[in-house]
Amino acid sequence: MRSRHDGDPLKALSCEPELKRISGNFHTTAAGISYISILTGTFLLFYFGVEFAGSGHWWSWPLVFLGQLMVALCFCELAARHPVAGPVHGWSATLGGPHLGWLGGWMMLTATTVSLSAVALAYQMTLPQISPFFQFVGTGTGRTDAAANAVLLGSGLIVFTTLVNAFGVTLMARINSAGTLVELIAAVTLIALLAALLTRGPGVSTGTAGYGVGESLGYAGACLTALLASAYVMYGSGSDTTSSPGGESGDPSRGAPRAILRALIASFLIGGLILLFALLAVPDLSSRRLSVDGLQFVMVSALDPAIGEIVLWCVVIAITVCALAVHAAGIRLAFKMARDNCLPASSWLARVSPRFGTPVIPTIVIGLVAVGVLVININQPRIFSVITSIAITMISMAYLMVTLPMLVQRLRGTWRPEEGRFSLGRFGLPVNLLAVLWGIGMSVDLVRPRPAVSNAESPFPWYARWSVLLFVGIVAVGGFTYYWLVQRTRTRTSTPAPAPAPAPAHMNPQQPDCNVVLPTVDVRRPTAGGAETGRPPK
């Protein structure tokens, strides 16, 4: 006899999601790739890597991939066991308790909002290269012209993402799929075009070329600084977006791990070839414009002008879709935390539009905060590296709040992967340990004061040099202080218990592995089992 839940694993968990779901392998992979966004990241900070480490910065690409792969593999195992509980907010609460769960969710929510600001800045690196018309502030040569214009263009993009995200998951899935398809086609085409124009061999990436002189660690120090360029592209692996859509697909415990790995591996292979072939195809590797205009300079100097412009328009599409995906990730995380009464005004933030099936208020709030981050930095000449450093640092620390307690459980012998699903087996402990070490190393590398990143121009104020550490510290300490004094007693945890032995869905009234249902407040829609709809607490 077939169960009424056959064919829908989410319903088999006695769980009816309140937000609309997307389905299909391409939708889930597209959502992950659009978050990582190969073209957005490579075209935004390529100039930064070349500026500090020359062509040798390419080797940071496989290094970052290996580090992020360790994190992603841990997240895959978690997604297979708790497909609807995660990612960071639910998983950190599951592994480390409600207090760590709140802090992990708070750090991830803030990081995602700052990431939206960082992605929006990429318009400035591309649109003025297509036409001077898009340089609305000054001529682009003034000390803060680029920063001010970046804030203007980025704010316009965030307004757009706010409007689109308010209309629902269906529209987002279509835009993500179409935009990601354009990005993948453009990326593969770009690889082929650059491969046909190679002017030098790969040996050019093995020399120091005088970079690192004056650094305390020599060329290694220069590479650690340039690591930011590669980390910015792949730090979203295993994130709320690369794993959440898999959790919303038809088979979440299988779909989420696959979505995470497909997105990361595709981004590594395609992005790595673009960066390598760009270094080998640019006519003048020593040109100063390469460390100022980055890959955009390669497009206009190595390719036919018309073809180069088409590629840059594809980059604009990729940036737009990436911003939409990052904004959507923040919205969903805010909704999950508000549903658990973890945020101020949770009763408002957890409301879902009956027409569009989306939380409209978090959509607007995240958009406003992201614009505010841009406006605060409107006169910061190093606005690109400062904001991206903050985003990567915060998301690395949020990941640590998952991988570290997971490692503790492994050492205690209490961690058990889901039987018959993705598992690291005997490699679990070393992979988890490497993921923790990678997270700690990335966080330390990015928060250390580096004048070249955040304080490169006179009058060199101290707070600019320490801006990354100050921002992260204020958000973490200030946020947790508020939580402990005000929000702690109001929060309803939704930590999923380990899944019990399989039983027919119609005979199992429990709610295994699912944080869509709260212990005290039921926010489900009516299901075939007769569950009633509840309202979020006021």
Protein backbone atom coordinates (compact mmCIF):
# COMPACT_ATOMS: atom_id res chain seq x y z
CA MET A 1 0.00 0.00 0.00
CA ARG A 2 1.42 3.37 -1.03
CA SER A 3 1.68 6.17 1.49
CA ARG A 4 0.06 9.47 0.70
CA HIS A 5 3.55 10.98 1.03
CA ASP A 6 5.18 8.74 -1.55
CA GLY A 7 7.22 10.84 -3.96
CA ASP A 8 7.62 13.79 -1.59
CA PRO A 9 10.41 13.28 0.98
CA LEU A 10 9.58 16.53 2.75
CA LYS A 11 6.06 15.34 3.45
CA ALA A 12 7.48 11.97 4.44
CA LEU A 13 9.20 13.89 7.22
CA SER A 14 5.70 15.07 8.27
CA CYS A 15 6.80 18.53 7.24
CA GLU A 16 5.01 21.01 5.04
CA PRO A 17 7.21 24.02 4.17
CA GLU A 18 5.62 27.43 4.42
CA LEU A 19 7.77 28.96 1.68
CA LYS A 20 7.34 27.88 -1.90
CA ARG A 21 9.78 25.28 -3.12
CA ILE A 22 11.76 24.96 -6.33
CA SER A 23 12.56 21.60 -7.87
CA GLY A 24 14.81 19.96 -10.39
CA ASN A 25 18.53 19.36 -10.57
CA PHE A 26 19.23 22.37 -12.77
CA HIS A 27 17.27 24.75 -10.52
CA THR A 28 19.20 23.60 -7.44
CA THR A 29 22.59 23.65 -9.17
CA ALA A 30 21.79 27.00 -10.80
CA ALA A 31 20.98 28.53 -7.42
CA GLY A 32 24.35 27.41 -6.06
CA ILE A 33 26.34 28.51 -9.11
CA SER A 34 24.55 31.86 -9.20
CA TYR A 35 25.57 32.46 -5.57
CA ILE A 36 29.21 31.54 -6.17
CA SER A 37 28.97 33.22 -9.63
CA ILE A 38 32.18 32.50 -11.47
CA LEU A 39 32.13 35.61 -13.64
CA THR A 40 31.12 37.99 -10.84
CA GLY A 41 33.96 37.02 -8.54
CA THR A 42 36.70 36.65 -11.14
CA PHE A 43 35.88 39.95 -12.85
CA LEU A 44 35.55 41.89 -9.57
CA LEU A 45 38.85 41.07 -7.84
CA PHE A 46 41.18 39.75 -10.56
CA TYR A 47 42.93 43.13 -10.49
CA PHE A 48 43.53 42.70 -6.74
CA GLY A 49 45.31 39.38 -7.10
CA VAL A 50 47.53 40.68 -9.90
CA GLU A 51 48.30 43.87 -7.99
CA PHE A 52 49.80 42.04 -5.02
CA ALA A 53 51.11 38.73 -6.36
CA GLY A 54 51.29 39.11 -10.14
CA SER A 55 50.53 36.11 -12.34
CA GLY A 56 51.57 33.76 -9.54
CA HIS A 57 48.37 34.57 -7.65
CA TRP A 58 46.69 31.93 -9.86
CA TRP A 59 47.99 29.28 -7.46
CA SER A 60 45.72 30.66 -4.76
CA TRP A 61 42.82 29.30 -6.82
CA PRO A 62 43.45 25.56 -6.24
CA LEU A 63 44.48 26.32 -2.64
CA VAL A 64 41.16 28.03 -1.89
CA PHE A 65 39.30 25.25 -3.70
CA LEU A 66 40.85 22.56 -1.51
CA GLY A 67 40.04 24.53 1.65
CA GLN A 68 36.45 25.19 0.62
CA LEU A 69 36.07 21.58 -0.50
CA MET A 70 36.78 20.44 3.06
CA VAL A 71 34.03 22.73 4.34
CA ALA A 72 31.64 21.70 1.57
CA LEU A 73 32.16 17.98 2.27
CA CYS A 74 31.26 18.50 5.94
CA PHE A 75 28.18 20.42 4.86
CA CYS A 76 27.23 17.63 2.45
CA GLU A 77 27.22 15.10 5.28
CA LEU A 78 25.13 17.47 7.40
CA ALA A 79 22.70 18.16 4.56
CA ALA A 80 22.17 14.43 4.08
CA ARG A 81 21.26 14.01 7.75
CA HIS A 82 19.44 17.28 8.40
CA PRO A 83 18.27 18.45 4.94
CA VAL A 84 15.72 20.98 6.17
CA ALA A 85 17.37 22.06 9.42
CA GLY A 86 20.31 23.91 7.91
CA PRO A 87 22.34 25.43 6.85
CA VAL A 88 24.30 27.49 9.38
CA HIS A 89 21.56 28.56 11.80
CA GLY A 90 19.94 25.15 12.16
CA TRP A 91 23.11 23.10 11.91
CA SER A 92 25.07 25.09 14.49
CA ALA A 93 22.10 24.82 16.89
CA THR A 94 21.87 21.09 16.24
CA LEU A 95 25.57 20.51 16.84
CA GLY A 96 26.43 23.11 19.48
CA GLY A 97 23.21 24.15 21.18
CA PRO A 98 20.82 27.11 20.88
CA HIS A 99 23.29 29.82 21.89
CA LEU A 100 25.84 28.84 19.26
CA GLY A 101 22.98 28.39 16.81
CA TRP A 102 21.86 31.97 17.34
CA LEU A 103 25.37 33.38 16.99
CA GLY A 104 26.02 31.31 13.86
CA GLY A 105 22.77 32.46 12.30
CA TRP A 106 23.42 36.09 13.26
CA MET A 107 26.94 36.06 11.78
CA MET A 108 25.70 34.37 8.62
CA LEU A 109 22.81 36.80 8.24
CA THR A 110 25.12 39.79 8.60
CA ALA A 111 27.69 38.22 6.27
CA THR A 112 25.06 37.59 3.62
CA THR A 113 23.86 41.18 3.81
CA VAL A 114 27.42 42.49 3.48
CA SER A 115 27.96 40.02 0.62
CA LEU A 116 25.02 41.58 -1.20
CA SER A 117 26.76 44.95 -0.90
CA ALA A 118 30.02 43.43 -2.18
CA VAL A 119 28.35 41.81 -5.20
CA ALA A 120 26.57 45.05 -6.06
CA LEU A 121 29.95 46.81 -6.24
CA ALA A 122 30.90 44.62 -9.21
CA TYR A 123 28.76 46.79 -11.49
CA GLN A 124 31.38 49.53 -11.15
CA MET A 125 34.14 47.25 -12.40
CA THR A 126 32.20 46.38 -15.56
CA LEU A 127 29.62 48.94 -16.70
CA PRO A 128 32.01 51.93 -17.07
CA GLN A 129 34.28 49.63 -19.12
CA ILE A 130 31.40 49.07 -21.54
CA SER A 131 30.59 52.77 -21.84
CA PRO A 132 31.66 56.00 -20.07
CA PHE A 133 27.93 56.75 -19.85
CA PHE A 134 27.76 54.58 -16.72
CA GLN A 135 30.32 56.73 -14.87
CA PHE A 136 27.77 59.11 -13.35
CA VAL A 137 30.07 60.52 -10.64
CA GLY A 138 33.05 62.50 -11.91
CA THR A 139 35.29 61.12 -14.61
CA GLY A 140 36.44 58.02 -12.75
CA THR A 141 39.93 59.43 -12.21
CA GLY A 142 39.25 61.26 -8.93
CA ARG A 143 40.27 59.79 -5.58
CA THR A 144 36.73 58.69 -4.67
CA ASP A 145 34.99 58.82 -8.06
CA ALA A 146 34.98 55.04 -8.47
CA ALA A 147 33.76 54.43 -4.91
CA ALA A 148 30.94 56.96 -5.14
CA ASN A 149 29.83 55.70 -8.53
CA ALA A 150 30.01 52.12 -7.28
CA VAL A 151 27.65 53.02 -4.44
CA LEU A 152 25.21 54.60 -6.91
CA LEU A 153 25.21 51.67 -9.33
CA GLY A 154 25.18 49.11 -6.51
CA SER A 155 22.24 50.76 -4.77
CA GLY A 156 20.25 50.62 -8.01
CA LEU A 157 20.99 46.90 -8.31
CA ILE A 158 19.90 46.25 -4.72
CA VAL A 159 16.61 48.06 -5.34
CA PHE A 160 16.08 45.72 -8.30
CA THR A 161 16.85 42.58 -6.27
CA THR A 162 14.50 43.76 -3.54
CA LEU A 163 11.61 44.10 -5.99
CA VAL A 164 12.24 40.78 -7.73
CA ASN A 165 12.66 38.81 -4.51
CA ALA A 166 9.33 40.12 -3.29
CA PHE A 167 7.51 38.31 -6.10
CA GLY A 168 8.32 34.75 -5.13
CA VAL A 169 10.43 31.65 -5.63
CA THR A 170 8.99 30.78 -9.04
CA LEU A 171 10.21 34.02 -10.60
CA MET A 172 13.54 33.69 -8.81
CA ALA A 173 14.01 30.12 -10.07
CA ARG A 174 13.37 31.18 -13.65
CA ILE A 175 15.74 34.14 -13.45
CA ASN A 176 18.41 32.02 -11.74
CA SER A 177 18.15 29.27 -14.34
CA ALA A 178 18.16 31.63 -17.33
CA GLY A 179 20.91 33.83 -15.91
CA THR A 180 23.09 30.89 -14.88
CA LEU A 181 22.69 29.35 -18.33
CA VAL A 182 23.86 32.62 -19.90
CA GLU A 183 26.79 32.76 -17.45
CA LEU A 184 27.88 29.18 -18.12
CA ILE A 185 27.65 29.60 -21.91
CA ALA A 186 29.58 32.89 -21.72
CA ALA A 187 32.21 31.37 -19.41
CA VAL A 188 32.83 28.34 -21.63
CA THR A 189 32.89 30.55 -24.75
CA LEU A 190 35.35 32.90 -23.05
CA ILE A 191 37.65 29.99 -22.21
CA ALA A 192 37.65 28.92 -25.87
CA LEU A 193 38.30 32.48 -27.10
CA LEU A 194 41.19 33.03 -24.69
CA ALA A 195 42.66 29.61 -25.46
CA ALA A 196 42.87 30.62 -29.13
CA LEU A 197 44.79 33.78 -28.24
CA LEU A 198 47.51 32.44 -25.93
CA THR A 199 50.75 34.40 -26.23
CA ARG A 200 52.86 32.68 -23.53
CA GLY A 201 53.18 29.38 -21.68
CA PRO A 202 51.94 28.45 -18.19
CA GLY A 203 55.45 28.83 -16.77
CA VAL A 204 54.74 32.54 -16.38
CA SER A 205 52.68 31.73 -13.28
CA THR A 206 55.62 30.18 -11.41
CA GLY A 207 57.81 33.25 -10.92
CA THR A 208 57.63 36.01 -8.30
CA ALA A 209 58.48 38.81 -10.79
CA GLY A 210 59.60 41.04 -7.91
CA TYR A 211 56.31 40.84 -5.99
CA GLY A 212 56.47 40.48 -2.22
CA VAL A 213 59.44 42.80 -1.74
CA GLY A 214 58.99 44.57 1.58
CA GLU A 215 56.45 42.05 2.87
CA SER A 216 57.24 40.52 6.26
CA LEU A 217 56.75 37.04 4.77
CA GLY A 218 58.14 37.89 1.34
CA TYR A 219 56.25 36.49 -1.63
CA ALA A 220 54.25 34.20 0.68
CA GLY A 221 52.89 37.31 2.39
CA ALA A 222 51.93 38.80 -0.97
CA CYS A 223 50.12 35.58 -1.88
CA LEU A 224 48.25 35.59 1.44
CA THR A 225 47.02 39.09 0.65
CA ALA A 226 46.09 38.11 -2.91
CA LEU A 227 44.22 35.08 -1.54
CA LEU A 228 41.24 37.42 -1.11
CA ALA A 229 40.64 37.41 -4.87
CA SER A 230 40.15 33.63 -5.08
CA ALA A 231 38.39 33.32 -1.72
CA TYR A 232 35.77 35.83 -2.82
CA VAL A 233 34.67 33.55 -5.67
CA MET A 234 34.41 30.26 -3.79
CA TYR A 235 33.60 31.25 -0.20
CA GLY A 236 29.90 30.64 -0.88
CA SER A 237 30.38 26.89 -1.27
CA GLY A 238 28.19 25.07 1.21
CA SER A 239 26.40 28.31 1.96
CA ASP A 240 22.73 28.93 2.63
CA THR A 241 22.07 29.18 -1.08
CA THR A 242 24.11 26.25 -2.38
CA SER A 243 22.49 23.91 0.14
CA SER A 244 19.05 25.40 0.76
CA PRO A 245 17.71 24.91 -2.77
CA GLY A 246 18.65 21.25 -2.52
CA GLY A 247 16.63 21.14 0.67
CA GLU A 248 13.69 22.60 -1.20
CA SER A 249 13.93 20.12 -4.05
CA GLY A 250 11.97 16.90 -4.30
CA ASP A 251 14.56 14.75 -2.45
CA PRO A 252 16.35 17.07 -0.02
CA SER A 253 18.68 14.57 1.67
CA ARG A 254 20.10 13.61 -1.72
CA GLY A 255 19.64 16.88 -3.61
CA ALA A 256 21.42 19.21 -1.18
CA PRO A 257 24.82 17.40 -1.11
CA ARG A 258 24.81 17.06 -4.88
CA ALA A 259 23.95 20.74 -5.34
CA ILE A 260 26.80 21.82 -3.07
CA LEU A 261 29.45 19.73 -4.82
CA ARG A 262 28.25 20.42 -8.37
CA ALA A 263 28.31 24.18 -7.79
CA LEU A 264 31.77 24.21 -6.19
CA ILE A 265 33.45 21.87 -8.68
CA ALA A 266 31.93 23.64 -11.71
CA SER A 267 33.08 26.99 -10.37
CA PHE A 268 36.60 25.71 -9.68
CA LEU A 269 37.11 24.21 -13.13
CA ILE A 270 35.57 27.00 -15.19
CA GLY A 271 36.90 29.86 -13.09
CA GLY A 272 40.39 28.39 -12.91
CA LEU A 273 40.62 28.08 -16.70
CA ILE A 274 39.36 31.65 -17.21
CA LEU A 275 41.99 33.05 -14.85
CA LEU A 276 44.84 30.97 -16.28
CA PHE A 277 44.03 31.64 -19.93
CA ALA A 278 43.53 35.35 -19.23
CA LEU A 279 47.06 35.55 -17.82
CA LEU A 280 48.42 33.69 -20.83
CA ALA A 281 46.44 35.67 -23.44
CA VAL A 282 46.75 39.29 -22.28
CA PRO A 283 49.05 41.14 -24.73
CA ASP A 284 51.08 42.92 -22.03
CA LEU A 285 51.37 41.08 -18.72
CA SER A 286 53.26 43.99 -17.16
CA SER A 287 50.64 46.60 -18.08
CA ARG A 288 49.54 48.67 -15.11
CA ARG A 289 45.96 48.49 -16.36
CA LEU A 290 45.91 44.78 -15.58
CA SER A 291 46.22 45.60 -11.86
CA VAL A 292 43.65 48.40 -12.13
CA ASP A 293 40.96 47.19 -14.54
CA GLY A 294 41.57 43.45 -14.16
CA LEU A 295 39.86 40.96 -16.47
CA GLN A 296 37.90 43.77 -18.07
CA PHE A 297 41.20 45.05 -19.49
CA VAL A 298 41.94 41.58 -20.90
CA MET A 299 38.54 41.59 -22.64
CA VAL A 300 39.11 44.91 -24.40
CA SER A 301 42.80 44.33 -25.20
CA ALA A 302 42.92 40.66 -26.22
CA LEU A 303 39.50 40.17 -27.80
CA ASP A 304 37.79 41.86 -30.70
CA PRO A 305 36.07 45.00 -29.26
CA ALA A 306 32.58 43.80 -30.21
CA ILE A 307 33.16 40.34 -28.72
CA GLY A 308 34.73 41.84 -25.62
CA GLU A 309 31.68 44.05 -25.10
CA ILE A 310 29.33 41.07 -25.45
CA VAL A 311 31.32 39.20 -22.79
CA LEU A 312 31.14 42.18 -20.46
CA TRP A 313 27.35 42.36 -20.87
CA CYS A 314 27.22 38.67 -19.93
CA VAL A 315 29.23 39.57 -16.84
CA VAL A 316 26.60 42.20 -16.00
CA ILE A 317 23.91 39.51 -16.24
CA ALA A 318 25.96 37.23 -13.99
CA ILE A 319 26.38 40.00 -11.41
CA THR A 320 22.65 40.68 -11.44
CA VAL A 321 21.73 37.03 -10.96
CA CYS A 322 24.36 36.63 -8.24
CA ALA A 323 22.94 39.61 -6.34
CA LEU A 324 19.46 38.12 -6.60
CA ALA A 325 20.70 34.79 -5.22
CA VAL A 326 22.61 36.37 -2.33
CA HIS A 327 19.62 38.55 -1.42
CA ALA A 328 17.36 35.47 -1.51
CA ALA A 329 19.76 33.61 0.81
CA GLY A 330 19.59 36.43 3.33
CA ILE A 331 15.80 36.56 3.15
CA ARG A 332 15.42 32.86 3.82
CA LEU A 333 17.85 32.90 6.72
CA ALA A 334 16.12 35.92 8.27
CA PHE A 335 12.78 34.14 7.90
CA LYS A 336 14.09 30.97 9.55
CA MET A 337 15.52 32.92 12.49
CA ALA A 338 12.38 35.04 12.84
CA ARG A 339 10.24 31.90 12.78
CA ASP A 340 12.26 30.71 15.78
CA ASN A 341 11.71 34.14 17.39
CA CYS A 342 15.46 34.80 17.25
CA LEU A 343 15.28 38.35 15.93
CA PRO A 344 13.70 41.62 17.04
CA ALA A 345 10.18 42.04 15.63
CA SER A 346 10.12 38.34 14.73
CA SER A 347 6.34 38.30 14.38
CA TRP A 348 6.67 40.78 11.51
CA LEU A 349 9.75 39.30 9.91
CA ALA A 350 8.19 35.81 9.87
CA ARG A 351 5.07 36.87 8.01
CA VAL A 352 4.71 35.39 4.55
CA SER A 353 2.83 37.11 1.77
CA PRO A 354 -0.21 34.94 0.99
CA ARG A 355 -0.02 36.05 -2.63
CA PHE A 356 3.66 35.58 -3.41
CA GLY A 357 4.70 33.07 -0.75
CA THR A 358 7.70 35.18 0.31
CA PRO A 359 8.60 37.15 3.46
CA VAL A 360 8.36 40.69 2.12
CA ILE A 361 9.52 42.56 5.23
CA PRO A 362 12.92 40.78 5.50
CA THR A 363 13.36 41.42 1.78
CA ILE A 364 13.06 45.16 2.32
CA VAL A 365 15.10 45.27 5.55
CA ILE A 366 18.05 43.37 4.05
CA GLY A 367 17.99 45.62 0.99
CA LEU A 368 18.05 48.76 3.14
CA VAL A 369 20.92 47.49 5.31
CA ALA A 370 22.94 46.48 2.24
CA VAL A 371 22.51 49.95 0.74
CA GLY A 372 23.51 51.42 4.11
CA VAL A 373 26.78 49.44 4.07
CA LEU A 374 27.55 50.95 0.67
CA VAL A 375 26.69 54.49 1.69
CA ILE A 376 28.89 54.33 4.80
CA ASN A 377 31.86 53.49 2.56
CA ILE A 378 31.08 56.01 -0.18
CA ASN A 379 34.39 57.85 0.30
CA GLN A 380 36.53 54.74 0.88
CA PRO A 381 38.99 54.36 -2.03
CA ARG A 382 39.47 50.70 -1.12
CA ILE A 383 35.75 50.03 -0.91
CA PHE A 384 35.99 46.81 -2.97
CA SER A 385 38.62 45.05 -0.86
CA VAL A 386 37.27 46.31 2.48
CA ILE A 387 33.69 45.12 2.00
CA THR A 388 34.68 41.81 0.43
CA SER A 389 37.17 41.13 3.26
CA ILE A 390 34.43 41.72 5.84
CA ALA A 391 32.01 39.43 4.00
CA ILE A 392 34.48 36.55 3.64
CA THR A 393 35.69 36.86 7.25
CA MET A 394 32.18 36.76 8.69
CA ILE A 395 31.06 33.86 6.56
CA SER A 396 34.23 31.91 7.42
CA MET A 397 33.51 32.44 11.12
CA ALA A 398 29.89 31.39 10.62
CA TYR A 399 31.07 28.17 8.94
CA LEU A 400 33.36 27.54 11.92
CA MET A 401 30.30 27.50 14.17
CA VAL A 402 29.20 24.43 12.23
CA THR A 403 32.44 22.61 11.48
CA LEU A 404 33.97 23.10 14.96
CA PRO A 405 31.10 21.57 17.01
CA MET A 406 30.83 18.87 14.33
CA LEU A 407 34.51 18.06 14.94
CA VAL A 408 33.86 17.93 18.70
CA GLN A 409 31.08 15.40 18.13
CA ARG A 410 33.37 13.29 15.95
CA LEU A 411 36.07 13.29 18.62
CA ARG A 412 33.50 12.28 21.24
CA GLY A 413 32.18 9.53 18.98
CA THR A 414 28.63 10.93 18.97
CA TRP A 415 28.44 11.97 15.31
CA ARG A 416 26.62 9.52 13.06
CA PRO A 417 26.00 10.25 9.36
CA GLU A 418 22.62 9.38 7.91
CA GLU A 419 22.53 5.74 6.88
CA GLY A 420 22.25 5.22 3.13
CA ARG A 421 23.02 8.87 2.37
CA PHE A 422 26.16 10.92 1.72
CA SER A 423 28.92 9.97 4.16
CA LEU A 424 32.64 10.70 4.46
CA GLY A 425 33.24 7.39 6.17
CA ARG A 426 36.69 7.00 7.70
CA PHE A 427 37.79 10.27 6.07
CA GLY A 428 35.30 12.24 8.16
CA LEU A 429 37.68 13.18 10.97
CA PRO A 430 40.64 14.39 8.85
CA VAL A 431 38.33 16.27 6.45
CA ASN A 432 36.51 17.92 9.35
CA LEU A 433 39.81 18.87 11.02
CA LEU A 434 41.10 20.42 7.80
CA ALA A 435 37.83 22.35 7.42
CA VAL A 436 38.26 23.84 10.90
CA LEU A 437 41.90 24.74 10.31
CA TRP A 438 40.99 26.32 6.99
CA GLY A 439 38.27 28.44 8.60
CA ILE A 440 40.60 29.63 11.36
CA GLY A 441 43.40 30.38 8.90
CA MET A 442 41.15 32.35 6.55
CA SER A 443 39.67 34.38 9.40
CA VAL A 444 43.10 35.27 10.84
CA ASP A 445 44.48 36.14 7.40
CA LEU A 446 41.60 38.48 6.58
CA VAL A 447 41.22 40.32 9.90
CA ARG A 448 44.89 41.16 10.31
CA PRO A 449 45.55 44.84 9.57
CA ARG A 450 46.91 45.30 6.06
CA PRO A 451 47.38 48.85 4.79
CA ALA A 452 47.32 47.58 1.22
CA VAL A 453 43.79 46.27 1.69
CA SER A 454 41.99 48.90 3.72
CA ASN A 455 44.31 51.82 4.41
CA ALA A 456 46.31 52.40 1.25
CA GLU A 457 45.99 56.19 0.95
CA SER A 458 46.67 59.25 3.09
CA PRO A 459 45.80 60.23 5.83
CA PHE A 460 45.95 56.55 6.94
CA PRO A 461 43.46 56.63 9.86
CA TRP A 462 43.94 53.77 12.33
CA TYR A 463 40.30 52.74 12.25
CA ALA A 464 40.49 52.15 8.49
CA ARG A 465 43.46 49.84 8.95
CA TRP A 466 41.56 47.84 11.55
CA SER A 467 38.17 48.17 9.84
CA VAL A 468 37.64 44.46 9.17
CA LEU A 469 38.40 43.39 12.75
CA LEU A 470 36.38 46.29 14.19
CA PHE A 471 33.29 45.52 12.10
CA VAL A 472 33.39 41.79 12.77
CA GLY A 473 34.03 42.33 16.47
CA ILE A 474 31.20 44.81 16.91
CA VAL A 475 28.74 42.57 15.05
CA ALA A 476 29.75 39.42 16.96
CA VAL A 477 30.14 40.86 20.48
CA GLY A 478 27.37 43.43 20.19
CA GLY A 479 24.95 40.96 18.63
CA PHE A 480 25.56 38.21 21.16
CA THR A 481 25.31 40.68 24.06
CA TYR A 482 21.89 41.76 22.80
CA TYR A 483 20.87 38.13 22.40
CA TRP A 484 21.99 37.17 25.89
CA LEU A 485 20.37 40.13 27.64
CA VAL A 486 17.19 40.49 25.59
CA GLN A 487 16.44 37.78 23.06
CA ARG A 488 17.67 34.62 24.81
CA THR A 489 14.54 34.01 26.86
CA ARG A 490 12.26 34.65 23.89
CA THR A 491 13.96 32.35 21.42
CA ARG A 492 12.31 29.09 20.50
CA THR A 493 14.87 26.58 19.33
CA SER A 494 14.03 24.26 16.51
CA THR A 495 16.95 21.88 16.85
CA PRO A 496 16.07 18.69 15.01
CA ALA A 497 16.51 15.42 16.81
CA PRO A 498 18.32 12.56 15.12
CA ALA A 499 16.01 10.80 12.72
CA PRO A 500 14.32 7.72 14.21
CA ALA A 501 14.08 4.38 12.48
CA PRO A 502 12.18 4.66 9.19
CA ALA A 503 8.45 4.13 9.47
CA PRO A 504 5.53 4.63 7.10
CA ALA A 505 4.79 8.35 6.95
CA HIS A 506 1.11 7.90 7.81
CA MET A 507 2.06 5.93 10.96
CA ASN A 508 4.78 8.28 12.22
CA PRO A 509 3.42 11.45 13.87
CA GLN A 510 6.88 12.68 14.90
CA GLN A 511 8.67 15.55 13.19
CA PRO A 512 12.14 14.13 12.49
CA ASP A 513 14.92 16.27 11.13
CA CYS A 514 12.78 19.29 10.36
CA ASN A 515 12.86 22.82 11.72
CA VAL A 516 9.88 24.01 9.74
CA VAL A 517 7.81 22.94 12.76
CA LEU A 518 8.58 24.61 16.08
CA PRO A 519 8.16 22.85 19.41
CA THR A 520 5.59 25.35 20.67
CA VAL A 521 4.32 27.15 17.60
CA ASP A 522 3.12 25.31 14.50
CA VAL A 523 3.67 27.37 11.36
CA ARG A 524 2.67 24.64 8.92
CA ARG A 525 -0.03 24.89 6.35
CA PRO A 526 -2.76 22.22 6.48
CA THR A 527 -1.50 18.84 5.31
CA ALA A 528 -3.17 15.59 4.50
CA GLY A 529 -2.58 14.57 8.11
CA GLY A 530 -4.78 17.38 9.35
CA ALA A 531 -2.13 19.71 10.78
CA GLU A 532 -3.37 23.20 11.45
CA THR A 533 -1.81 26.47 10.45
CA GLY A 534 -0.43 28.63 13.23
CA ARG A 535 0.85 32.17 13.41
CA PRO A 536 4.31 33.30 14.49
CA PRO A 537 4.48 34.55 18.09
CA LYS A 538 4.07 38.24 18.75
